[in-house]
Amino acid sequence: GNMGLAIDHCCFCGGGSHTLPNTTSSSSTCTEDTEGWFDQHGYDCVWYEVMDGPGCPKYGDDTAHESSTVKGTANDHCCHC
C-alpha cells in the first residue's frame, strides 16, 4: 500500500518522530534513563533495552543525534547500558 513519502515518516530524512513503534516487549524496566536523549538514528533508550544486551556491549558507544538536547552516548544515558 501507499505509506507516504520518506520525508514525512523517516527521522533521518527530517520527518517522523524519535520514538519507537509499539513492540511485543514490555515497557522499559529502567527508571533512570535521561529524558530527551536519542541517538544518530533517532532511537531512544527503549531501543537499546530491546536490541542490545545488559551493559550494551554492541551499541553502547552510539552517540547522541546532533539535534538531541542531551549529548553523550547510550552508555552515559540509558540505565540498561
Protein backbone atom coordinates (compact mmCIF):
# COMPACT_ATOMS: atom_id res chain seq x y z
CA GLY A 1 0.00 0.00 0.00
CA ASN A 2 0.90 3.64 -0.22
CA MET A 3 2.61 4.59 3.02
CA GLY A 4 3.60 8.12 2.04
CA LEU A 5 6.90 9.86 1.46
CA ALA A 6 10.08 9.18 3.40
CA ILE A 7 10.41 12.91 4.12
CA ASP A 8 7.15 12.64 6.12
CA HIS A 9 7.93 9.43 8.01
CA CYS A 10 11.69 8.97 8.21
CA CYS A 11 13.58 10.53 11.15
CA PHE A 12 16.83 10.50 9.17
CA CYS A 13 15.10 12.34 6.32
CA GLY A 14 13.67 15.02 8.60
CA GLY A 15 10.20 13.63 9.23
CA GLY A 16 8.71 11.10 11.62
CA SER A 17 9.33 11.08 15.33
CA HIS A 18 12.05 9.95 17.68
CA THR A 19 10.01 7.23 19.36
CA LEU A 20 9.76 3.55 18.61
CA PRO A 21 6.57 1.88 17.49
CA ASN A 22 4.90 -0.46 19.94
CA THR A 23 6.80 -3.71 20.35
CA THR A 24 5.89 -7.07 21.75
CA SER A 25 8.17 -6.41 24.70
CA SER A 26 7.03 -4.81 27.91
CA SER A 27 7.71 -1.14 28.57
CA SER A 28 11.12 -0.11 29.77
CA THR A 29 12.22 -1.56 33.08
CA CYS A 30 14.60 1.34 33.58
CA THR A 31 13.57 4.36 35.59
CA GLU A 32 16.78 6.37 35.34
CA ASP A 33 17.11 6.95 31.58
CA THR A 34 17.96 10.53 30.64
CA GLU A 35 14.85 12.23 29.26
CA GLY A 36 15.34 13.67 25.77
CA TRP A 37 18.37 11.59 24.72
CA PHE A 38 18.24 9.83 21.34
CA ASP A 39 20.94 8.53 19.03
CA GLN A 40 22.02 9.33 15.46
CA HIS A 41 19.23 7.09 14.13
CA GLY A 42 16.50 8.62 16.28
CA TYR A 43 16.36 5.72 18.77
CA ASP A 44 15.91 6.34 22.48
CA CYS A 45 16.91 4.11 25.41
CA VAL A 46 14.00 1.69 24.93
CA TRP A 47 15.55 0.59 21.63
CA TYR A 48 18.80 -0.27 23.41
CA GLU A 49 16.90 -2.27 26.01
CA VAL A 50 15.20 -4.31 23.27
CA MET A 51 18.09 -4.62 20.81
CA ASP A 52 21.21 -4.93 22.99
CA GLY A 53 22.24 -6.97 26.00
CA PRO A 54 22.71 -5.64 29.53
CA GLY A 55 25.56 -3.16 29.55
CA CYS A 56 25.01 -2.52 25.80
CA PRO A 57 28.11 -4.33 24.54
CA LYS A 58 27.10 -3.89 20.87
CA TYR A 59 25.73 -0.35 20.68
CA GLY A 60 26.52 1.41 23.96
CA ASP A 61 29.05 3.74 22.35
CA ASP A 62 26.48 5.16 19.90
CA THR A 63 26.40 8.94 20.24
CA ALA A 64 23.53 11.38 20.53
CA HIS A 65 21.88 12.83 17.44
CA GLU A 66 23.02 16.36 16.60
CA SER A 67 19.52 17.67 17.35
CA SER A 68 19.24 15.87 20.69
CA THR A 69 19.26 18.32 23.58
CA VAL A 70 21.31 15.80 25.57
CA LYS A 71 24.81 14.88 24.38
CA GLY A 72 26.83 11.74 25.10
CA THR A 73 26.47 8.02 24.42
CA ALA A 74 23.88 5.38 25.20
CA ASN A 75 26.24 4.16 27.93
CA ASP A 76 26.04 7.62 29.51
CA HIS A 77 22.25 7.99 29.41
CA CYS A 78 20.49 4.61 29.31
CA CYS A 79 20.31 2.62 32.55
CA HIS A 80 20.17 -0.66 30.61
CA CYS A 81 23.60 0.24 29.28
